[in-house]
């Protein structure tokens, strides 16, 4: 499932990530996708060392295994394909 919480409306790139993760989550029901507002959950942002929005944190078995920070690892532009993000998450 894909859970959206406390959406930050001033960061339009987060909306781009939302669209892609929403599409990916529909195909991967075995995975939990959780979205939160890094500014409102400061303790979590500090613990995960989030400094750039958007940041996708990949957690497996309770441990951070990877981070996707911004769009540089997704081609460096705003119009990357959903499959690019899906492959990067794998």
C-alpha atoms as a PDB file:
ATOM      1  CA  UNK A   1       0.000   0.000   0.000  1.00  0.00           C
ATOM      2  CA  UNK A   2       1.055   3.607  -0.444  1.00  0.00           C
ATOM      3  CA  UNK A   3       0.425   5.886   2.504  1.00  0.00           C
ATOM      4  CA  UNK A   4       0.668   9.630   2.095  1.00  0.00           C
ATOM      5  CA  UNK A   5       0.887  11.798   5.193  1.00  0.00           C
ATOM      6  CA  UNK A   6       1.436  15.479   5.864  1.00  0.00           C
ATOM      7  CA  UNK A   7       2.159  16.409   2.273  1.00  0.00           C
ATOM      8  CA  UNK A   8       4.426  19.417   1.813  1.00  0.00           C
ATOM      9  CA  UNK A   9       2.724  21.449  -0.876  1.00  0.00           C
ATOM     10  CA  UNK A  10       5.634  23.801  -1.574  1.00  0.00           C
ATOM     11  CA  UNK A  11       7.904  21.103  -3.054  1.00  0.00           C
ATOM     12  CA  UNK A  12       6.472  20.210  -6.444  1.00  0.00           C
ATOM     13  CA  UNK A  13       9.143  17.581  -7.059  1.00  0.00           C
ATOM     14  CA  UNK A  14       7.587  15.593  -4.224  1.00  0.00           C
ATOM     15  CA  UNK A  15       4.436  15.462  -6.362  1.00  0.00           C
ATOM     16  CA  UNK A  16       6.484  13.879  -9.152  1.00  0.00           C
ATOM     17  CA  UNK A  17       7.789  11.226  -6.737  1.00  0.00           C
ATOM     18  CA  UNK A  18       4.231  10.690  -5.433  1.00  0.00           C
ATOM     19  CA  UNK A  19       2.940   9.939  -8.920  1.00  0.00           C
ATOM     20  CA  UNK A  20       5.674   7.388  -9.621  1.00  0.00           C
ATOM     21  CA  UNK A  21       5.513   5.682  -6.219  1.00  0.00           C
ATOM     22  CA  UNK A  22       1.730   5.491  -6.438  1.00  0.00           C
ATOM     23  CA  UNK A  23       2.058   3.648  -9.766  1.00  0.00           C
ATOM     24  CA  UNK A  24       4.807   1.365  -8.442  1.00  0.00           C
ATOM     25  CA  UNK A  25       2.917   0.574  -5.230  1.00  0.00           C
ATOM     26  CA  UNK A  26      -0.081  -0.722  -7.208  1.00  0.00           C
ATOM     27  CA  UNK A  27       2.165  -3.370  -8.759  1.00  0.00           C
ATOM     28  CA  UNK A  28       4.014  -4.310  -5.555  1.00  0.00           C
ATOM     29  CA  UNK A  29       1.416  -5.054  -2.908  1.00  0.00           C
ATOM     30  CA  UNK A  30       4.035  -6.939  -0.865  1.00  0.00           C
ATOM     31  CA  UNK A  31       5.861  -3.656  -0.179  1.00  0.00           C
ATOM     32  CA  UNK A  32       4.914  -0.793   2.122  1.00  0.00           C
ATOM     33  CA  UNK A  33       5.360   2.684   0.694  1.00  0.00           C
ATOM     34  CA  UNK A  34       5.089   5.427   3.301  1.00  0.00           C
ATOM     35  CA  UNK A  35       5.311   9.152   2.695  1.00  0.00           C
ATOM     36  CA  UNK A  36       5.760  11.767   5.361  1.00  0.00           C
ATOM     37  CA  UNK A  37       6.609  15.429   5.673  1.00  0.00           C
ATOM     38  CA  UNK A  38      10.284  15.669   6.642  1.00  0.00           C
ATOM     39  CA  UNK A  39       9.711  19.085   8.219  1.00  0.00           C
ATOM     40  CA  UNK A  40       6.946  17.853  10.510  1.00  0.00           C
ATOM     41  CA  UNK A  41       8.670  14.637  11.602  1.00  0.00           C
ATOM     42  CA  UNK A  42      11.996  16.217  12.488  1.00  0.00           C
ATOM     43  CA  UNK A  43      13.191  13.375  14.732  1.00  0.00           C
ATOM     44  CA  UNK A  44      12.783  10.894  11.862  1.00  0.00           C
ATOM     45  CA  UNK A  45      14.397  13.235   9.329  1.00  0.00           C
ATOM     46  CA  UNK A  46      17.389  13.657  11.616  1.00  0.00           C
ATOM     47  CA  UNK A  47      17.646   9.931  12.294  1.00  0.00           C
ATOM     48  CA  UNK A  48      17.534   9.168   8.558  1.00  0.00           C
ATOM     49  CA  UNK A  49      19.846  12.119   7.775  1.00  0.00           C
ATOM     50  CA  UNK A  50      17.422  13.670   5.274  1.00  0.00           C
ATOM     51  CA  UNK A  51      18.747  16.983   4.023  1.00  0.00           C
ATOM     52  CA  UNK A  52      17.314  17.146   0.490  1.00  0.00           C
ATOM     53  CA  UNK A  53      13.654  16.916  -0.477  1.00  0.00           C
ATOM     54  CA  UNK A  54      12.628  14.630  -2.072  1.00  0.00           C
ATOM     55  CA  UNK A  55      14.585  11.776  -0.541  1.00  0.00           C
ATOM     56  CA  UNK A  56      13.441   8.185  -0.860  1.00  0.00           C
ATOM     57  CA  UNK A  57      14.713   5.982   1.957  1.00  0.00           C
ATOM     58  CA  UNK A  58      14.662   2.253   1.333  1.00  0.00           C
ATOM     59  CA  UNK A  59      14.377   0.164   4.489  1.00  0.00           C
ATOM     60  CA  UNK A  60      14.587  -3.617   4.708  1.00  0.00           C
ATOM     61  CA  UNK A  61      14.234  -5.594   7.922  1.00  0.00           C
ATOM     62  CA  UNK A  62      14.352  -2.387   9.963  1.00  0.00           C
ATOM     63  CA  UNK A  63      17.609  -1.098   8.460  1.00  0.00           C
ATOM     64  CA  UNK A  64      18.257   1.604   5.885  1.00  0.00           C
ATOM     65  CA  UNK A  65      19.705  -0.143   2.844  1.00  0.00           C
ATOM     66  CA  UNK A  66      19.663   2.708   0.327  1.00  0.00           C
ATOM     67  CA  UNK A  67      18.650   6.315  -0.327  1.00  0.00           C
ATOM     68  CA  UNK A  68      17.633   8.089  -3.488  1.00  0.00           C
ATOM     69  CA  UNK A  69      18.377  11.764  -2.944  1.00  0.00           C
ATOM     70  CA  UNK A  70      16.830  14.166  -5.410  1.00  0.00           C
ATOM     71  CA  UNK A  71      16.677  13.195  -9.070  1.00  0.00           C
ATOM     72  CA  UNK A  72      20.369  12.873  -9.943  1.00  0.00           C
ATOM     73  CA  UNK A  73      20.283   9.062  -9.729  1.00  0.00           C
ATOM     74  CA  UNK A  74      17.124   9.006 -11.864  1.00  0.00           C
ATOM     75  CA  UNK A  75      18.546  10.802 -14.880  1.00  0.00           C
ATOM     76  CA  UNK A  76      18.850  14.276 -13.407  1.00  0.00           C
ATOM     77  CA  UNK A  77      15.602  15.643 -14.815  1.00  0.00           C
ATOM     78  CA  UNK A  78      11.978  15.944 -13.762  1.00  0.00           C
ATOM     79  CA  UNK A  79      10.482  13.823 -16.541  1.00  0.00           C
ATOM     80  CA  UNK A  80      12.071  10.460 -15.752  1.00  0.00           C
ATOM     81  CA  UNK A  81       9.992   7.341 -16.410  1.00  0.00           C
ATOM     82  CA  UNK A  82       8.387   5.314 -13.617  1.00  0.00           C
ATOM     83  CA  UNK A  83      10.378   2.261 -14.715  1.00  0.00           C
ATOM     84  CA  UNK A  84      13.617   4.159 -14.003  1.00  0.00           C
ATOM     85  CA  UNK A  85      12.586   4.675 -10.381  1.00  0.00           C
ATOM     86  CA  UNK A  86      11.277   1.105 -10.085  1.00  0.00           C
ATOM     87  CA  UNK A  87      14.576  -0.310 -11.367  1.00  0.00           C
ATOM     88  CA  UNK A  88      16.558   1.968  -9.059  1.00  0.00           C
ATOM     89  CA  UNK A  89      14.551   0.794  -6.045  1.00  0.00           C
ATOM     90  CA  UNK A  90      15.210  -2.872  -6.904  1.00  0.00           C
END
